[in-house]
């Protein structure tokens, strides 16, 4: 009777360890997704700034032509 109880206890501990690791992975995925969203927002903002400055530069170059 000792061995089956020992096997059940080890199985329960294994499932508990997997649950803890799953929670940690979930938390890291949420953190990573927040960082990706922030980086995406920064890239979009930089792209808009670059497009705006390129249009201004194109106008300035067009006006400077003889």
N, C-alpha and C. Protein backbone atom coordinates (compact mmCIF):
# COMPACT_ATOMS: atom_id res chain seq x y z
N UNK A 1 0.82 -1.19 0.00
CA UNK A 1 0.00 0.00 0.00
C UNK A 1 0.86 1.26 0.00
N UNK A 2 2.09 1.15 0.43
CA UNK A 2 2.98 2.30 0.48
C UNK A 2 3.36 2.78 -0.92
N UNK A 3 3.67 1.86 -1.82
CA UNK A 3 4.11 2.25 -3.17
C UNK A 3 3.02 2.94 -3.98
N UNK A 4 1.80 2.46 -3.97
CA UNK A 4 0.77 3.20 -4.73
C UNK A 4 0.55 4.61 -4.18
N UNK A 5 0.59 4.78 -2.88
CA UNK A 5 0.43 6.12 -2.30
C UNK A 5 1.61 7.02 -2.69
N UNK A 6 2.80 6.43 -2.68
CA UNK A 6 3.99 7.17 -3.08
C UNK A 6 3.89 7.60 -4.55
N UNK A 7 3.41 6.72 -5.41
CA UNK A 7 3.26 7.03 -6.83
C UNK A 7 2.21 8.13 -7.03
N UNK A 8 1.12 8.05 -6.29
CA UNK A 8 0.08 9.08 -6.40
C UNK A 8 0.62 10.43 -5.91
N UNK A 9 1.37 10.42 -4.83
CA UNK A 9 1.95 11.66 -4.30
C UNK A 9 2.93 12.26 -5.30
N UNK A 10 3.76 11.43 -5.92
CA UNK A 10 4.70 11.94 -6.92
C UNK A 10 3.96 12.49 -8.14
N UNK A 11 2.90 11.81 -8.53
CA UNK A 11 2.09 12.30 -9.65
C UNK A 11 1.47 13.64 -9.34
N UNK A 12 0.95 13.79 -8.15
CA UNK A 12 0.36 15.07 -7.74
C UNK A 12 1.41 16.17 -7.70
N UNK A 13 2.59 15.86 -7.17
CA UNK A 13 3.66 16.86 -7.13
C UNK A 13 4.11 17.24 -8.54
N UNK A 14 4.15 16.27 -9.44
CA UNK A 14 4.50 16.57 -10.83
C UNK A 14 3.51 17.51 -11.47
N UNK A 15 2.23 17.26 -11.24
CA UNK A 15 1.18 18.13 -11.79
C UNK A 15 1.27 19.52 -11.15
N UNK A 16 1.56 19.58 -9.87
CA UNK A 16 1.69 20.88 -9.19
C UNK A 16 2.86 21.67 -9.76
N UNK A 17 3.99 21.01 -10.00
CA UNK A 17 5.15 21.68 -10.58
C UNK A 17 4.82 22.19 -11.98
N UNK A 18 4.14 21.37 -12.77
CA UNK A 18 3.74 21.80 -14.11
C UNK A 18 2.79 23.00 -14.05
N UNK A 19 1.90 23.02 -13.09
CA UNK A 19 0.97 24.14 -12.94
C UNK A 19 1.73 25.42 -12.59
N UNK A 20 2.69 25.33 -11.70
CA UNK A 20 3.49 26.50 -11.33
C UNK A 20 4.27 27.01 -12.54
N UNK A 21 4.86 26.10 -13.29
CA UNK A 21 5.60 26.51 -14.48
C UNK A 21 4.68 27.12 -15.53
N UNK A 22 3.48 26.60 -15.66
CA UNK A 22 2.52 27.15 -16.62
C UNK A 22 2.13 28.58 -16.23
N UNK A 23 1.97 28.83 -14.94
CA UNK A 23 1.65 30.19 -14.48
C UNK A 23 2.81 31.13 -14.77
N UNK A 24 4.03 30.66 -14.56
CA UNK A 24 5.20 31.50 -14.84
C UNK A 24 5.30 31.81 -16.33
N UNK A 25 5.06 30.81 -17.17
CA UNK A 25 5.09 31.02 -18.62
C UNK A 25 4.01 32.01 -19.02
N UNK A 26 2.82 31.86 -18.47
CA UNK A 26 1.72 32.78 -18.77
C UNK A 26 2.11 34.22 -18.42
N UNK A 27 2.71 34.41 -17.25
CA UNK A 27 3.10 35.75 -16.82
C UNK A 27 4.17 36.33 -17.75
N UNK A 28 5.13 35.51 -18.16
CA UNK A 28 6.18 36.00 -19.05
C UNK A 28 5.62 36.31 -20.44
N UNK A 29 4.68 35.53 -20.91
CA UNK A 29 4.07 35.80 -22.21
C UNK A 29 3.29 37.11 -22.16
N UNK A 30 2.59 37.36 -21.08
CA UNK A 30 1.87 38.64 -20.96
C UNK A 30 2.84 39.81 -20.93
N UNK A 31 3.96 39.66 -20.20
CA UNK A 31 4.96 40.71 -20.15
C UNK A 31 5.58 40.94 -21.53
N UNK A 32 5.90 39.86 -22.22
CA UNK A 32 6.48 39.98 -23.55
C UNK A 32 5.50 40.62 -24.53
N UNK A 33 4.24 40.26 -24.44
CA UNK A 33 3.26 40.86 -25.35
C UNK A 33 3.11 42.35 -25.09
N UNK A 34 3.22 42.76 -23.84
CA UNK A 34 3.15 44.19 -23.53
C UNK A 34 4.36 44.91 -24.12
N UNK A 35 5.53 44.30 -24.03
CA UNK A 35 6.73 44.91 -24.60
C UNK A 35 6.64 44.98 -26.12
N UNK A 36 6.10 43.94 -26.75
CA UNK A 36 5.93 43.95 -28.20
C UNK A 36 4.95 45.04 -28.62
N UNK A 37 3.87 45.20 -27.87
CA UNK A 37 2.90 46.25 -28.18
C UNK A 37 3.54 47.63 -28.05
N UNK A 38 4.34 47.83 -27.02
CA UNK A 38 5.02 49.11 -26.84
C UNK A 38 6.00 49.37 -27.98
N UNK A 39 6.77 48.35 -28.36
CA UNK A 39 7.72 48.50 -29.47
C UNK A 39 6.99 48.78 -30.77
N UNK A 40 5.87 48.12 -30.99
CA UNK A 40 5.07 48.36 -32.19
C UNK A 40 4.57 49.80 -32.23
N UNK A 41 4.12 50.29 -31.09
CA UNK A 41 3.66 51.69 -31.02
C UNK A 41 4.81 52.65 -31.32
N UNK A 42 5.98 52.37 -30.77
CA UNK A 42 7.14 53.24 -31.02
C UNK A 42 7.55 53.21 -32.49
N UNK A 43 7.51 52.03 -33.11
CA UNK A 43 7.86 51.92 -34.53
C UNK A 43 6.86 52.67 -35.39
N UNK A 44 5.58 52.55 -35.05
CA UNK A 44 4.55 53.27 -35.81
C UNK A 44 4.75 54.78 -35.68
N UNK A 45 5.05 55.23 -34.49
CA UNK A 45 5.28 56.65 -34.26
C UNK A 45 6.52 57.13 -35.02
N UNK A 46 7.59 56.36 -34.98
CA UNK A 46 8.80 56.73 -35.70
C UNK A 46 8.57 56.73 -37.20
N UNK A 47 7.78 55.79 -37.68
CA UNK A 47 7.47 55.74 -39.11
C UNK A 47 6.68 56.97 -39.54
N UNK A 48 5.73 57.37 -38.72
CA UNK A 48 4.95 58.58 -39.03
C UNK A 48 5.85 59.81 -39.03
N UNK A 49 6.75 59.90 -38.04
CA UNK A 49 7.69 61.03 -37.99
C UNK A 49 8.58 61.05 -39.23
N UNK A 50 9.08 59.89 -39.61
CA UNK A 50 9.95 59.79 -40.78
C UNK A 50 9.20 60.19 -42.05
N UNK A 51 7.97 59.74 -42.18
CA UNK A 51 7.18 60.09 -43.36
C UNK A 51 6.91 61.59 -43.41
N UNK A 52 6.60 62.17 -42.27
CA UNK A 52 6.35 63.61 -42.21
C UNK A 52 7.61 64.40 -42.58
N UNK A 53 8.76 64.00 -42.05
CA UNK A 53 10.01 64.70 -42.35
C UNK A 53 10.43 64.48 -43.80
N UNK A 54 10.18 63.30 -44.34
CA UNK A 54 10.53 63.05 -45.74
C UNK A 54 9.69 63.91 -46.67
N UNK A 55 8.44 64.11 -46.34
CA UNK A 55 7.59 64.98 -47.16
C UNK A 55 8.10 66.41 -47.11
N UNK A 56 8.48 66.87 -45.94
CA UNK A 56 9.03 68.22 -45.81
C UNK A 56 10.33 68.37 -46.58
N UNK A 57 11.18 67.36 -46.51
CA UNK A 57 12.44 67.39 -47.23
C UNK A 57 12.21 67.38 -48.74
N UNK A 58 11.24 66.60 -49.19
CA UNK A 58 10.92 66.56 -50.62
C UNK A 58 10.42 67.92 -51.10
N UNK A 59 9.60 68.57 -50.30
CA UNK A 59 9.12 69.91 -50.66
C UNK A 59 10.28 70.90 -50.71
N UNK A 60 11.17 70.82 -49.74
CA UNK A 60 12.32 71.73 -49.71
C UNK A 60 13.23 71.49 -50.91
N UNK A 61 13.41 70.24 -51.28
CA UNK A 61 14.25 69.93 -52.45
C UNK A 61 13.60 70.37 -53.73
N UNK A 62 12.30 70.26 -53.81
CA UNK A 62 11.58 70.69 -55.02
C UNK A 62 11.65 72.19 -55.18
N UNK A 63 11.57 72.91 -54.07
CA UNK A 63 11.62 74.38 -54.12
C UNK A 63 13.03 74.87 -54.45
N UNK A 64 14.07 74.13 -54.14
CA UNK A 64 15.44 74.57 -54.35
C UNK A 64 15.91 74.33 -55.79
N UNK A 65 15.18 73.54 -56.56
CA UNK A 65 15.59 73.27 -57.93
C UNK A 65 15.48 74.53 -58.79
N UNK A 66 16.43 74.72 -59.72
CA UNK A 66 16.36 75.91 -60.59
C UNK A 66 15.29 75.79 -61.65
